Amino acid sequence: MRFASEAELNQWVHAAERLWLFLDYDGTLVKFSRTPDILQPDKRLIDLMRHLADHARIRVAIVSGRRLRDLQTLLPVSGIYLAATYGIEIITPEGERIQREDYSQVRPYLERLKPHWQEIIDGRKGFYLEDKGWSLAVHARYASEQDARLVISSIQHTLDQDLITSEFRLIKYKRFLEVSTAKAHKGKAVSFLLNSFPLPAARLVYIGDDDNDSEAFETIHSYDGVAISVAHDFGYVRSSGGDYVLRSPNAVRKWLGNLLKTV
């Protein structure tokens, strides 16, 4: 469904007996940091999440590409689901830890890739190699366009294409490349949460800002939920299936804050 205005969206949300919010983190709740290892908890955001978690009619799940320990540092909030590394590692509101993949089956291949990737980016400005344990990612947001194109292409050539099509997953943009287990998929993570921890009669809302989130949009729509895209850095997401657009992380927070006053 598409909403022509925020008032229409709010009308749909306010009619919910219960509401399950699935929220991306970077680019959705906060602006992107220069590198993923900069962990700066935001007190206002933490307070907002605590109020949402305490609301009797609202359930919250954070679905992020970040690793679990980083999410726990950034959002030390009880009562919410944290689905990290695209939903491979999950912690429930009760503290149950779930790993949806066997780490020992994932890590050896990444260990073989890591030194090659490091060698390729060594001495080049604007690159960052992120090791999430379950995945490896190269960020080139601050590199020149020519260097980014060359390095991302070189790194892609280190991959075993047979593995990428079966056991592992490649996520690639102009200035980003990541390899992770094939189960690292936000849409699959949302399905897992909905099937494992059902919330009868709940209306579902997913808010995200990039193509990984648009995969979750498809899942949300299959459950008759609503997808909201954030146009702050990736305004093209709406064409990938969003029902409404919020303009920035600040707009998302404002909308969530207003939700607390009216639901």
Protein backbone atom coordinates (compact mmCIF):
# COMPACT_ATOMS: atom_id res chain seq x y z
CA MET A 1 0.00 0.00 0.00
CA ARG A 2 1.12 3.56 -0.62
CA PHE A 3 0.44 6.56 1.60
CA ALA A 4 0.01 9.98 0.09
CA SER A 5 0.65 11.71 3.40
CA GLU A 6 1.97 11.10 6.89
CA ALA A 7 -1.56 11.52 8.16
CA GLU A 8 -2.66 8.51 6.07
CA LEU A 9 0.26 6.47 7.38
CA ASN A 10 -0.53 7.44 10.96
CA GLN A 11 -4.16 6.51 10.54
CA TRP A 12 -3.14 3.01 9.45
CA VAL A 13 -0.69 2.66 12.34
CA HIS A 14 -3.06 3.99 15.00
CA ALA A 15 -5.69 1.41 14.03
CA ALA A 16 -3.31 -1.37 15.13
CA GLU A 17 -4.19 -3.45 18.16
CA ARG A 18 -0.45 -4.07 18.48
CA LEU A 19 2.51 -2.82 16.48
CA TRP A 20 5.83 -4.51 15.68
CA LEU A 21 8.51 -2.05 14.56
CA PHE A 22 11.53 -3.36 12.62
CA LEU A 23 14.19 -0.64 12.48
CA ASP A 24 17.49 -0.43 10.66
CA TYR A 25 20.19 1.47 12.59
CA ASP A 26 22.77 3.31 10.43
CA GLY A 27 21.20 5.78 8.03
CA THR A 28 17.79 5.21 9.62
CA LEU A 29 18.04 5.99 13.33
CA VAL A 30 21.42 7.75 13.15
CA LYS A 31 23.58 9.36 10.49
CA PHE A 32 26.47 7.28 9.22
CA SER A 33 29.72 7.54 11.18
CA ARG A 34 33.00 7.91 9.32
CA THR A 35 33.95 4.29 10.06
CA PRO A 36 31.97 1.47 11.73
CA ASP A 37 34.43 1.23 14.64
CA ILE A 38 33.35 4.67 15.89
CA LEU A 39 30.82 3.70 18.56
CA GLN A 40 29.08 6.72 20.02
CA PRO A 41 25.88 5.85 21.89
CA ASP A 42 23.21 8.51 21.47
CA LYS A 43 21.46 9.18 24.78
CA ARG A 44 18.35 10.66 23.16
CA LEU A 45 18.00 7.65 20.87
CA ILE A 46 18.53 5.25 23.78
CA ASP A 47 15.81 7.02 25.76
CA LEU A 48 13.46 6.86 22.76
CA MET A 49 14.07 3.11 22.35
CA ARG A 50 13.45 2.55 26.06
CA HIS A 51 10.11 4.34 25.86
CA LEU A 52 9.13 2.28 22.81
CA ALA A 53 10.20 -0.95 24.52
CA ASP A 54 8.14 -0.08 27.59
CA HIS A 55 4.97 0.59 25.59
CA ALA A 56 2.46 -2.21 26.10
CA ARG A 57 1.28 -2.21 22.47
CA ILE A 58 4.67 -1.92 20.76
CA ARG A 59 7.41 -4.47 20.06
CA VAL A 60 10.79 -3.33 18.68
CA ALA A 61 13.42 -5.18 16.66
CA ILE A 62 16.62 -3.58 15.42
CA VAL A 63 17.76 -5.25 12.18
CA SER A 64 21.26 -4.13 11.29
CA GLY A 65 24.37 -5.06 9.34
CA ARG A 66 26.42 -4.26 12.43
CA ARG A 67 27.76 -7.04 14.63
CA LEU A 68 25.92 -7.81 17.84
CA ARG A 69 28.46 -6.49 20.31
CA ASP A 70 28.44 -3.11 18.57
CA LEU A 71 24.64 -2.92 18.65
CA GLN A 72 24.68 -3.77 22.35
CA THR A 73 27.12 -0.92 22.94
CA LEU A 74 25.12 1.55 20.87
CA LEU A 75 21.70 0.50 22.20
CA PRO A 76 21.99 -0.76 25.79
CA VAL A 77 18.22 -1.16 25.99
CA SER A 78 16.38 -4.07 27.56
CA GLY A 79 13.13 -5.35 26.09
CA ILE A 80 14.02 -5.19 22.39
CA TYR A 81 15.24 -7.67 19.78
CA LEU A 82 18.68 -7.08 18.29
CA ALA A 83 19.18 -8.85 14.94
CA ALA A 84 22.81 -8.22 14.01
CA THR A 85 24.95 -9.00 10.96
CA TYR A 86 21.76 -8.96 8.86
CA GLY A 87 20.04 -11.28 11.33
CA ILE A 88 22.69 -13.99 11.71
CA GLU A 89 23.16 -13.29 15.43
CA ILE A 90 20.12 -12.36 17.50
CA ILE A 91 19.45 -11.53 21.12
CA THR A 92 15.85 -11.54 22.36
CA PRO A 93 14.29 -9.27 24.99
CA GLU A 94 14.70 -12.16 27.45
CA GLY A 95 18.43 -12.37 26.76
CA GLU A 96 18.32 -15.54 24.65
CA ARG A 97 21.16 -15.60 22.13
CA ILE A 98 20.53 -17.18 18.75
CA GLN A 99 23.07 -17.93 16.03
CA ARG A 100 21.37 -18.84 12.77
CA GLU A 101 24.56 -20.16 11.22
CA ASP A 102 27.49 -22.33 12.29
CA TYR A 103 30.40 -19.94 12.81
CA SER A 104 32.96 -22.68 12.25
CA GLN A 105 31.56 -23.18 8.76
CA VAL A 106 31.71 -19.50 7.89
CA ARG A 107 34.95 -18.22 9.36
CA PRO A 108 37.63 -20.29 7.55
CA TYR A 109 36.76 -18.85 4.12
CA LEU A 110 36.74 -15.30 5.47
CA GLU A 111 40.11 -15.91 7.12
CA ARG A 112 41.52 -16.87 3.72
CA LEU A 113 40.13 -13.72 2.13
CA LYS A 114 41.14 -11.22 4.81
CA PRO A 115 44.92 -10.96 4.15
CA HIS A 116 44.34 -10.60 0.41
CA TRP A 117 41.86 -7.77 0.95
CA GLN A 118 44.18 -6.06 3.41
CA GLU A 119 47.05 -6.26 0.94
CA ILE A 120 44.89 -4.70 -1.80
CA ILE A 121 43.89 -1.67 0.30
CA ASP A 122 47.21 -1.13 2.11
CA GLY A 123 48.65 2.29 1.35
CA ARG A 124 45.46 3.57 -0.27
CA LYS A 125 43.59 6.48 1.25
CA GLY A 126 39.90 6.35 2.10
CA PHE A 127 39.50 2.59 2.54
CA TYR A 128 38.47 0.64 5.62
CA LEU A 129 38.40 -3.13 6.11
CA GLU A 130 35.69 -4.19 8.56
CA ASP A 131 35.82 -7.66 10.07
CA LYS A 132 32.45 -8.53 11.65
CA GLY A 133 33.38 -12.11 12.41
CA TRP A 134 30.50 -13.42 10.32
CA SER A 135 31.41 -11.25 7.35
CA LEU A 136 34.13 -9.10 5.79
CA ALA A 137 33.43 -5.69 4.29
CA VAL A 138 35.47 -3.04 2.52
CA HIS A 139 34.27 0.56 2.77
CA ALA A 140 35.46 3.08 0.19
CA ARG A 141 33.18 6.04 0.90
CA TYR A 142 36.12 8.42 1.36
CA ALA A 143 38.29 7.12 -1.48
CA SER A 144 38.44 8.68 -4.92
CA GLU A 145 35.94 7.30 -7.40
CA GLN A 146 38.71 5.82 -9.57
CA ASP A 147 40.43 4.12 -6.63
CA ALA A 148 37.12 2.81 -5.29
CA ARG A 149 36.23 1.26 -8.63
CA LEU A 150 39.68 -0.33 -9.02
CA VAL A 151 39.86 -1.71 -5.49
CA ILE A 152 36.31 -3.07 -5.37
CA SER A 153 36.92 -4.83 -8.69
CA SER A 154 40.24 -6.28 -7.47
CA ILE A 155 38.66 -7.55 -4.28
CA GLN A 156 35.78 -9.15 -6.16
CA HIS A 157 38.30 -11.13 -8.21
CA THR A 158 39.55 -12.82 -5.00
CA LEU A 159 36.19 -14.53 -4.50
CA ASP A 160 35.30 -18.13 -5.24
CA GLN A 161 32.24 -17.68 -7.44
CA ASP A 162 30.91 -21.19 -6.71
CA LEU A 163 30.84 -20.43 -3.01
CA ILE A 164 29.25 -17.02 -3.56
CA THR A 165 26.29 -18.56 -5.35
CA SER A 166 25.66 -21.23 -2.71
CA GLU A 167 27.18 -20.81 0.75
CA PHE A 168 28.12 -17.13 0.79
CA ARG A 169 26.56 -13.86 -0.25
CA LEU A 170 28.09 -10.88 -2.03
CA ILE A 171 26.77 -7.38 -1.33
CA LYS A 172 28.31 -4.82 -3.65
CA TYR A 173 27.88 -1.12 -4.36
CA LYS A 174 30.18 1.44 -6.01
CA ARG A 175 32.00 2.10 -2.75
CA PHE A 176 31.26 -0.99 -0.70
CA LEU A 177 31.73 -4.74 -0.91
CA GLU A 178 30.85 -7.36 1.68
CA VAL A 179 30.96 -11.14 1.80
CA SER A 180 28.90 -12.99 4.39
CA THR A 181 27.05 -16.24 4.85
CA ALA A 182 24.09 -16.62 2.49
CA LYS A 183 21.72 -16.45 5.48
CA ALA A 184 22.81 -12.87 6.18
CA HIS A 185 19.72 -11.32 4.66
CA LYS A 186 17.40 -8.83 6.35
CA GLY A 187 14.29 -10.27 4.69
CA LYS A 188 15.13 -13.74 5.98
CA ALA A 189 15.87 -12.28 9.42
CA VAL A 190 12.43 -10.65 9.58
CA SER A 191 10.78 -13.92 8.52
CA PHE A 192 12.70 -15.79 11.21
CA LEU A 193 11.61 -13.36 13.92
CA LEU A 194 7.98 -13.38 12.82
CA ASN A 195 7.83 -17.18 12.69
CA SER A 196 9.83 -17.80 15.86
CA PHE A 197 8.22 -15.12 18.04
CA PRO A 198 4.72 -14.51 16.65
CA LEU A 199 2.74 -11.50 17.79
CA PRO A 200 -0.90 -12.18 16.86
CA ALA A 201 -2.94 -9.30 15.46
CA ALA A 202 0.10 -7.04 15.23
CA ARG A 203 0.59 -4.64 12.35
CA LEU A 204 4.14 -4.59 11.03
CA VAL A 205 6.29 -1.59 10.09
CA TYR A 206 9.84 -1.77 8.72
CA ILE A 207 11.95 1.39 8.38
CA GLY A 208 15.22 1.35 6.44
CA ASP A 209 17.37 3.29 4.02
CA ASP A 210 19.19 1.02 1.56
CA ASP A 211 18.95 -2.00 -0.73
CA ASN A 212 19.49 -4.47 2.13
CA ASP A 213 16.41 -2.98 3.75
CA SER A 214 14.45 -3.18 0.52
CA GLU A 215 14.84 -6.98 0.75
CA ALA A 216 13.11 -6.78 4.11
CA PHE A 217 10.44 -4.58 2.54
CA GLU A 218 9.43 -7.56 0.39
CA THR A 219 9.07 -9.76 3.48
CA ILE A 220 7.07 -7.12 5.35
CA HIS A 221 4.72 -6.76 2.40
CA SER A 222 4.19 -10.52 2.30
CA TYR A 223 2.85 -10.20 5.86
CA ASP A 224 0.64 -7.23 4.89
CA GLY A 225 2.93 -4.81 6.68
CA VAL A 226 4.19 -1.36 5.74
CA ALA A 227 7.67 -0.37 4.56
CA ILE A 228 9.02 3.13 5.17
CA SER A 229 12.17 4.26 3.38
CA VAL A 230 14.55 6.92 4.62
CA ALA A 231 15.79 9.29 1.93
CA HIS A 232 18.74 10.77 3.85
CA ASP A 233 21.46 9.06 1.81
CA PHE A 234 19.62 6.59 -0.39
CA GLY A 235 16.57 8.32 -1.78
CA TYR A 236 16.14 5.66 -4.46
CA VAL A 237 14.84 3.07 -2.01
CA ARG A 238 11.18 4.00 -2.46
CA SER A 239 11.28 2.64 -6.00
CA SER A 240 12.35 -0.65 -4.44
CA GLY A 241 9.11 -1.00 -2.54
CA GLY A 242 8.69 1.63 0.19
CA ASP A 243 5.15 2.77 1.01
CA TYR A 244 6.16 6.13 2.45
CA VAL A 245 9.35 8.20 2.70
CA LEU A 246 10.80 9.94 5.75
CA ARG A 247 13.50 12.40 4.82
CA SER A 248 16.22 11.69 7.40
CA PRO A 249 17.09 9.88 10.65
CA ASN A 250 15.84 12.95 12.51
CA ALA A 251 12.49 12.62 10.75
CA VAL A 252 12.36 8.94 11.74
CA ARG A 253 12.98 9.81 15.38
CA LYS A 254 10.35 12.52 15.30
CA TRP A 255 7.82 10.10 13.82
CA LEU A 256 8.61 7.47 16.45
CA GLY A 257 8.36 10.05 19.22
CA ASN A 258 4.94 11.16 17.96
CA LEU A 259 3.90 7.51 17.77
CA LEU A 260 4.47 7.15 21.51
CA LYS A 261 2.03 10.00 22.16
CA THR A 262 -0.78 8.62 20.05
CA VAL A 263 -0.73 4.79 20.05
